[in-house]
C-alpha atoms as a PDB file:
ATOM      1  CA  MET A   1      35.696  92.798  62.767  1.00  0.00           C
ATOM      2  CA  GLU A   2      38.173  95.431  63.907  1.00  0.00           C
ATOM      3  CA  PRO A   3      40.024  97.808  61.618  1.00  0.00           C
ATOM      4  CA  GLY A   4      43.339  96.522  60.400  1.00  0.00           C
ATOM      5  CA  ARG A   5      42.261  92.991  59.540  1.00  0.00           C
ATOM      6  CA  ARG A   6      43.085  91.602  56.132  1.00  0.00           C
ATOM      7  CA  GLU A   7      40.149  92.856  54.123  1.00  0.00           C
ATOM      8  CA  ARG A   8      40.833  96.414  55.244  1.00  0.00           C
ATOM      9  CA  CYS A   9      44.586  96.441  54.622  1.00  0.00           C
ATOM     10  CA  HIS A  10      44.376  96.746  50.861  1.00  0.00           C
ATOM     11  CA  GLY A  11      41.822  99.518  50.527  1.00  0.00           C
ATOM     12  CA  SER A  12      42.326 103.246  50.554  1.00  0.00           C
ATOM     13  CA  GLY A  13      40.285 105.931  52.232  1.00  0.00           C
ATOM     14  CA  PRO A  14      38.327 108.617  50.431  1.00  0.00           C
ATOM     15  CA  THR A  15      40.251 111.380  48.687  1.00  0.00           C
ATOM     16  CA  ALA A  16      39.487 113.822  51.510  1.00  0.00           C
ATOM     17  CA  GLU A  17      41.053 111.454  54.056  1.00  0.00           C
ATOM     18  CA  ALA A  18      44.076 110.887  51.862  1.00  0.00           C
ATOM     19  CA  ALA A  19      44.811 114.615  52.065  1.00  0.00           C
ATOM     20  CA  LEU A  20      44.739 114.638  55.892  1.00  0.00           C
ATOM     21  CA  ASP A  21      47.889 114.153  57.916  1.00  0.00           C
ATOM     22  CA  ASP A  22      48.211 111.345  60.460  1.00  0.00           C
ATOM     23  CA  ASP A  23      47.285 113.540  63.434  1.00  0.00           C
ATOM     24  CA  ASP A  24      44.056 114.610  61.761  1.00  0.00           C
ATOM     25  CA  LEU A  25      43.194 111.006  60.972  1.00  0.00           C
ATOM     26  CA  VAL A  26      43.939 109.932  64.549  1.00  0.00           C
ATOM     27  CA  THR A  27      41.603 112.677  65.813  1.00  0.00           C
ATOM     28  CA  ARG A  28      38.867 111.373  63.507  1.00  0.00           C
ATOM     29  CA  VAL A  29      39.416 107.771  64.638  1.00  0.00           C
ATOM     30  CA  ARG A  30      39.063 108.838  68.267  1.00  0.00           C
ATOM     31  CA  ALA A  31      35.779 110.490  67.319  1.00  0.00           C
ATOM     32  CA  GLY A  32      34.529 107.140  65.996  1.00  0.00           C
ATOM     33  CA  ASP A  33      35.453 107.406  62.290  1.00  0.00           C
ATOM     34  CA  ARG A  34      36.585 103.901  61.327  1.00  0.00           C
ATOM     35  CA  GLU A  35      37.204 104.933  57.720  1.00  0.00           C
ATOM     36  CA  ALA A  36      39.896 107.258  59.034  1.00  0.00           C
ATOM     37  CA  TYR A  37      41.640 104.254  60.546  1.00  0.00           C
ATOM     38  CA  ASP A  38      41.342 102.457  57.212  1.00  0.00           C
ATOM     39  CA  ALA A  39      43.187 105.432  55.700  1.00  0.00           C
ATOM     40  CA  LEU A  40      45.969 105.103  58.312  1.00  0.00           C
ATOM     41  CA  VAL A  41      46.205 101.376  57.590  1.00  0.00           C
ATOM     42  CA  ALA A  42      46.433 101.969  53.845  1.00  0.00           C
ATOM     43  CA  ARG A  43      49.064 104.671  54.344  1.00  0.00           C
ATOM     44  CA  HIS A  44      51.357 102.645  56.636  1.00  0.00           C
ATOM     45  CA  THR A  45      50.871  98.983  55.675  1.00  0.00           C
ATOM     46  CA  ALA A  46      53.865  98.815  53.323  1.00  0.00           C
ATOM     47  CA  SER A  47      56.211 100.380  55.878  1.00  0.00           C
ATOM     48  CA  ALA A  48      54.910  98.148  58.670  1.00  0.00           C
ATOM     49  CA  TYR A  49      55.261  95.023  56.524  1.00  0.00           C
ATOM     50  CA  ARG A  50      58.812  95.887  55.484  1.00  0.00           C
ATOM     51  CA  THR A  51      59.726  96.522  59.126  1.00  0.00           C
ATOM     52  CA  ALA A  52      58.346  93.148  60.222  1.00  0.00           C
ATOM     53  CA  VAL A  53      60.176  91.296  57.460  1.00  0.00           C
ATOM     54  CA  LEU A  54      63.487  93.058  58.020  1.00  0.00           C
ATOM     55  CA  LEU A  55      63.287  92.430  61.762  1.00  0.00           C
ATOM     56  CA  GLY A  56      62.889  88.726  61.053  1.00  0.00           C
ATOM     57  CA  ALA A  57      59.174  87.907  60.910  1.00  0.00           C
ATOM     58  CA  GLY A  58      59.688  86.092  57.609  1.00  0.00           C
ATOM     59  CA  PRO A  59      56.570  84.262  56.409  1.00  0.00           C
ATOM     60  CA  ASP A  60      54.667  85.467  59.494  1.00  0.00           C
ATOM     61  CA  ALA A  61      55.127  89.155  58.607  1.00  0.00           C
ATOM     62  CA  GLU A  62      51.565  89.638  57.368  1.00  0.00           C
ATOM     63  CA  ASP A  63      50.141  88.230  60.607  1.00  0.00           C
ATOM     64  CA  VAL A  64      52.507  90.412  62.637  1.00  0.00           C
ATOM     65  CA  VAL A  65      51.367  93.503  60.750  1.00  0.00           C
ATOM     66  CA  GLN A  66      47.684  92.667  61.147  1.00  0.00           C
ATOM     67  CA  ASP A  67      48.145  92.055  64.874  1.00  0.00           C
ATOM     68  CA  ALA A  68      50.084  95.317  65.174  1.00  0.00           C
ATOM     69  CA  PHE A  69      47.325  97.320  63.469  1.00  0.00           C
ATOM     70  CA  VAL A  70      44.673  95.767  65.722  1.00  0.00           C
ATOM     71  CA  LYS A  71      46.813  96.454  68.799  1.00  0.00           C
ATOM     72  CA  ALA A  72      47.445 100.030  67.633  1.00  0.00           C
ATOM     73  CA  TYR A  73      43.702 100.563  67.209  1.00  0.00           C
ATOM     74  CA  ARG A  74      43.051  99.332  70.744  1.00  0.00           C
ATOM     75  CA  LYS A  75      45.893 101.441  72.164  1.00  0.00           C
ATOM     76  CA  LEU A  76      45.001 104.596  70.234  1.00  0.00           C
ATOM     77  CA  PRO A  77      43.400 106.275  73.288  1.00  0.00           C
ATOM     78  CA  ARG A  78      46.853 106.099  74.933  1.00  0.00           C
ATOM     79  CA  TYR A  79      48.692 107.585  71.945  1.00  0.00           C
ATOM     80  CA  ARG A  80      49.872 111.032  73.031  1.00  0.00           C
ATOM     81  CA  GLY A  81      51.498 112.257  69.833  1.00  0.00           C
ATOM     82  CA  GLU A  82      54.942 112.641  71.437  1.00  0.00           C
ATOM     83  CA  ALA A  83      56.336 110.685  68.485  1.00  0.00           C
ATOM     84  CA  SER A  84      54.888 110.478  64.984  1.00  0.00           C
ATOM     85  CA  PHE A  85      52.091 107.967  64.442  1.00  0.00           C
ATOM     86  CA  ARG A  86      54.414 106.091  62.046  1.00  0.00           C
ATOM     87  CA  SER A  87      57.142 105.742  64.686  1.00  0.00           C
ATOM     88  CA  TRP A  88      54.610 104.715  67.313  1.00  0.00           C
ATOM     89  CA  LEU A  89      53.122 102.102  64.967  1.00  0.00           C
ATOM     90  CA  LEU A  90      56.531 100.715  63.955  1.00  0.00           C
ATOM     91  CA  ALA A  91      57.404 100.352  67.649  1.00  0.00           C
ATOM     92  CA  ILE A  92      54.331  98.124  67.996  1.00  0.00           C
ATOM     93  CA  VAL A  93      55.393  96.159  64.892  1.00  0.00           C
ATOM     94  CA  ALA A  94      58.874  95.717  66.402  1.00  0.00           C
ATOM     95  CA  ASN A  95      57.382  94.490  69.690  1.00  0.00           C
ATOM     96  CA  GLU A  96      55.063  92.084  67.895  1.00  0.00           C
ATOM     97  CA  THR A  97      58.039  90.743  65.938  1.00  0.00           C
ATOM     98  CA  ARG A  98      59.997  90.239  69.168  1.00  0.00           C
ATOM     99  CA  ASN A  99      56.996  88.394  70.612  1.00  0.00           C
ATOM    100  CA  LEU A 100      57.009  86.173  67.533  1.00  0.00           C
ATOM    101  CA  HIS A 101      60.683  85.326  68.074  1.00  0.00           C
ATOM    102  CA  ARG A 102      60.043  84.444  71.707  1.00  0.00           C
ATOM    103  CA  THR A 103      57.245  82.044  70.809  1.00  0.00           C
ATOM    104  CA  ARG A 104      58.895  80.335  67.854  1.00  0.00           C
ATOM    105  CA  THR A 105      60.272  76.875  68.355  1.00  0.00           C
ATOM    106  CA  ARG A 106      62.536  77.231  65.327  1.00  0.00           C
ATOM    107  CA  ARG A 107      65.131  79.964  64.904  1.00  0.00           C
ATOM    108  CA  ASP A 108      65.055  80.024  61.129  1.00  0.00           C
ATOM    109  CA  GLY A 109      62.760  83.014  60.807  1.00  0.00           C
ATOM    110  CA  LEU A 110      65.535  85.628  60.810  1.00  0.00           C
ATOM    111  CA  THR A 111      66.073  85.600  57.064  1.00  0.00           C
ATOM    112  CA  LEU A 112      65.796  89.301  56.194  1.00  0.00           C
ATOM    113  CA  ARG A 113      63.939  88.313  53.036  1.00  0.00           C
ATOM    114  CA  ALA A 114      63.047  91.844  52.097  1.00  0.00           C
ATOM    115  CA  ALA A 115      66.700  92.861  51.980  1.00  0.00           C
ATOM    116  CA  ALA A 116      67.537  89.807  49.899  1.00  0.00           C
ATOM    117  CA  ALA A 117      64.653  90.510  47.554  1.00  0.00           C
ATOM    118  CA  GLU A 118      65.526  94.154  46.908  1.00  0.00           C
ATOM    119  CA  PRO A 119      65.699  94.623  43.153  1.00  0.00           C
ATOM    120  CA  VAL A 120      69.180  94.918  41.718  1.00  0.00           C
ATOM    121  CA  ALA A 121      69.851  98.340  40.231  1.00  0.00           C
ATOM    122  CA  ALA A 122      69.864  98.422  36.451  1.00  0.00           C
ATOM    123  CA  ALA A 123      73.150  96.874  35.357  1.00  0.00           C
ATOM    124  CA  THR A 124      75.021  97.580  32.171  1.00  0.00           C
ATOM    125  CA  ASP A 125      75.614  93.907  31.540  1.00  0.00           C
ATOM    126  CA  GLY A 126      75.120  90.464  33.078  1.00  0.00           C
ATOM    127  CA  LEU A 127      78.396  90.619  35.024  1.00  0.00           C
ATOM    128  CA  ASP A 128      77.306  93.785  36.841  1.00  0.00           C
ATOM    129  CA  ALA A 129      74.037  92.110  37.821  1.00  0.00           C
ATOM    130  CA  VAL A 130      75.866  89.031  39.125  1.00  0.00           C
ATOM    131  CA  LEU A 131      78.294  91.143  41.150  1.00  0.00           C
ATOM    132  CA  ALA A 132      75.447  93.258  42.597  1.00  0.00           C
ATOM    133  CA  ALA A 133      73.564  90.096  43.596  1.00  0.00           C
ATOM    134  CA  GLU A 134      76.702  88.692  45.239  1.00  0.00           C
ATOM    135  CA  ARG A 135      77.226  91.892  47.245  1.00  0.00           C
ATOM    136  CA  ARG A 136      73.589  91.868  48.336  1.00  0.00           C
ATOM    137  CA  ALA A 137      73.814  88.210  49.362  1.00  0.00           C
ATOM    138  CA  ALA A 138      77.011  88.923  51.321  1.00  0.00           C
ATOM    139  CA  LEU A 139      75.316  91.796  53.147  1.00  0.00           C
ATOM    140  CA  VAL A 140      72.254  89.712  54.012  1.00  0.00           C
ATOM    141  CA  GLY A 141      74.478  86.857  55.213  1.00  0.00           C
ATOM    142  CA  ALA A 142      76.490  89.210  57.415  1.00  0.00           C
ATOM    143  CA  LEU A 143      73.304  90.759  58.845  1.00  0.00           C
ATOM    144  CA  ARG A 144      72.022  87.281  59.747  1.00  0.00           C
ATOM    145  CA  ARG A 145      75.169  86.653  61.780  1.00  0.00           C
ATOM    146  CA  LEU A 146      74.814  89.810  63.859  1.00  0.00           C
ATOM    147  CA  PRO A 147      73.192  89.548  67.294  1.00  0.00           C
ATOM    148  CA  VAL A 148      69.506  90.513  67.201  1.00  0.00           C
ATOM    149  CA  ARG A 149      70.012  93.837  68.995  1.00  0.00           C
ATOM    150  CA  ASP A 150      72.704  94.868  66.518  1.00  0.00           C
ATOM    151  CA  ARG A 151      70.617  93.709  63.561  1.00  0.00           C
ATOM    152  CA  GLU A 152      67.615  95.722  64.775  1.00  0.00           C
ATOM    153  CA  VAL A 153      69.490  99.010  64.887  1.00  0.00           C
ATOM    154  CA  ILE A 154      71.089  98.453  61.453  1.00  0.00           C
ATOM    155  CA  VAL A 155      67.698  97.558  59.978  1.00  0.00           C
ATOM    156  CA  CYS A 156      66.056 100.668  61.427  1.00  0.00           C
ATOM    157  CA  ARG A 157      68.786 103.149  60.537  1.00  0.00           C
ATOM    158  CA  TYR A 158      69.897 101.882  57.131  1.00  0.00           C
ATOM    159  CA  LEU A 159      67.393  99.452  55.616  1.00  0.00           C
ATOM    160  CA  LEU A 160      64.248 101.242  56.784  1.00  0.00           C
ATOM    161  CA  ASP A 161      66.031 104.611  56.588  1.00  0.00           C
ATOM    162  CA  LEU A 162      64.599 105.788  59.907  1.00  0.00           C
ATOM    163  CA  GLY A 163      66.062 108.852  61.553  1.00  0.00           C
ATOM    164  CA  GLU A 164      67.640 108.696  64.975  1.00  0.00           C
ATOM    165  CA  ASP A 165      64.472 109.944  66.704  1.00  0.00           C
ATOM    166  CA  GLU A 166      62.335 107.325  64.939  1.00  0.00           C
ATOM    167  CA  THR A 167      64.833 104.576  65.798  1.00  0.00           C
ATOM    168  CA  VAL A 168      64.724 105.633  69.463  1.00  0.00           C
ATOM    169  CA  THR A 169      60.933 105.325  69.371  1.00  0.00           C
ATOM    170  CA  VAL A 170      60.761 102.065  67.410  1.00  0.00           C
ATOM    171  CA  LEU A 171      63.328 100.235  69.535  1.00  0.00           C
ATOM    172  CA  GLY A 172      62.395 101.884  72.821  1.00  0.00           C
ATOM    173  CA  LEU A 173      66.015 102.731  73.606  1.00  0.00           C
ATOM    174  CA  PRO A 174      67.728 105.867  74.920  1.00  0.00           C
ATOM    175  CA  ARG A 175      69.318 108.077  72.264  1.00  0.00           C
ATOM    176  CA  GLY A 176      72.835 107.391  73.579  1.00  0.00           C
ATOM    177  CA  THR A 177      72.251 103.646  73.348  1.00  0.00           C
ATOM    178  CA  VAL A 178      71.051 103.952  69.753  1.00  0.00           C
ATOM    179  CA  LYS A 179      74.157 105.962  68.845  1.00  0.00           C
ATOM    180  CA  SER A 180      76.629 103.618  70.519  1.00  0.00           C
ATOM    181  CA  ARG A 181      74.873 100.461  69.329  1.00  0.00           C
ATOM    182  CA  THR A 182      74.755 101.768  65.754  1.00  0.00           C
ATOM    183  CA  HIS A 183      78.494 102.499  65.861  1.00  0.00           C
ATOM    184  CA  ARG A 184      79.343  99.058  67.269  1.00  0.00           C
ATOM    185  CA  ALA A 185      76.924  97.225  64.964  1.00  0.00           C
ATOM    186  CA  LEU A 186      78.373  98.914  61.878  1.00  0.00           C
ATOM    187  CA  ALA A 187      81.889  97.966  62.999  1.00  0.00           C
ATOM    188  CA  LYS A 188      80.802  94.342  63.460  1.00  0.00           C
ATOM    189  CA  LEU A 189      79.060  94.327  60.091  1.00  0.00           C
ATOM    190  CA  ARG A 190      82.124  95.750  58.336  1.00  0.00           C
ATOM    191  CA  ALA A 191      84.345  93.144  60.006  1.00  0.00           C
ATOM    192  CA  LEU A 192      82.045  90.329  58.890  1.00  0.00           C
ATOM    193  CA  LEU A 193      81.965  91.666  55.329  1.00  0.00           C
ATOM    194  CA  ASP A 194      85.772  92.083  55.302  1.00  0.00           C
ATOM    195  CA  ARG A 195      86.236  88.488  56.479  1.00  0.00           C
ATOM    196  CA  GLU A 196      83.819  87.260  53.828  1.00  0.00           C
ATOM    197  CA  GLU A 197      85.679  89.236  51.150  1.00  0.00           C
ATOM    198  CA  ALA A 198      89.043  87.861  52.305  1.00  0.00           C
ATOM    199  CA  HIS A 199      87.635  84.317  52.360  1.00  0.00           C
ATOM    200  CA  ARG A 200      86.431  84.662  48.779  1.00  0.00           C
ATOM    201  CA  GLY A 201      89.923  85.886  47.847  1.00  0.00           C
END
């Protein structure tokens, strides 16, 4: 079975491998060290899973992540290090999620469950917790109503906290497109949230 399948996703590499950076681990994988790939999987599984969920994989996120790790392993000889391994991997996760959307017969997978499930910050009383939950629900609802391309850039820049360079790599877009799309998507999101606020009175 290839690296990245379920039984390998939860382990961690030896202490020596944990101290290596991604480039060193990639070099070891190319030399035939499968434990080095296990270390990469352990290091990046949480980020890959969160990306898949936030981009709309929903209950299929785990399968998307597993497929992405297998695909990354097979494509590793073509990885040139022009972007970080993390960015390169998340681009594969994003592509696998898009493939999932294209093959789904239902369109109910775009739920952004991870955003909805983010823990509410410690509140001073029950009212604060209720208000925080309402704001989070309003944000998730507004994100669901954005077109997919706008949602993707908001997810990358603000929910995954990726830098501009990483967003360019993950979405496979020119830098200028990322900038302009981020600006427009934020304006749309603000308008949706303002309308929701006005509707609630």
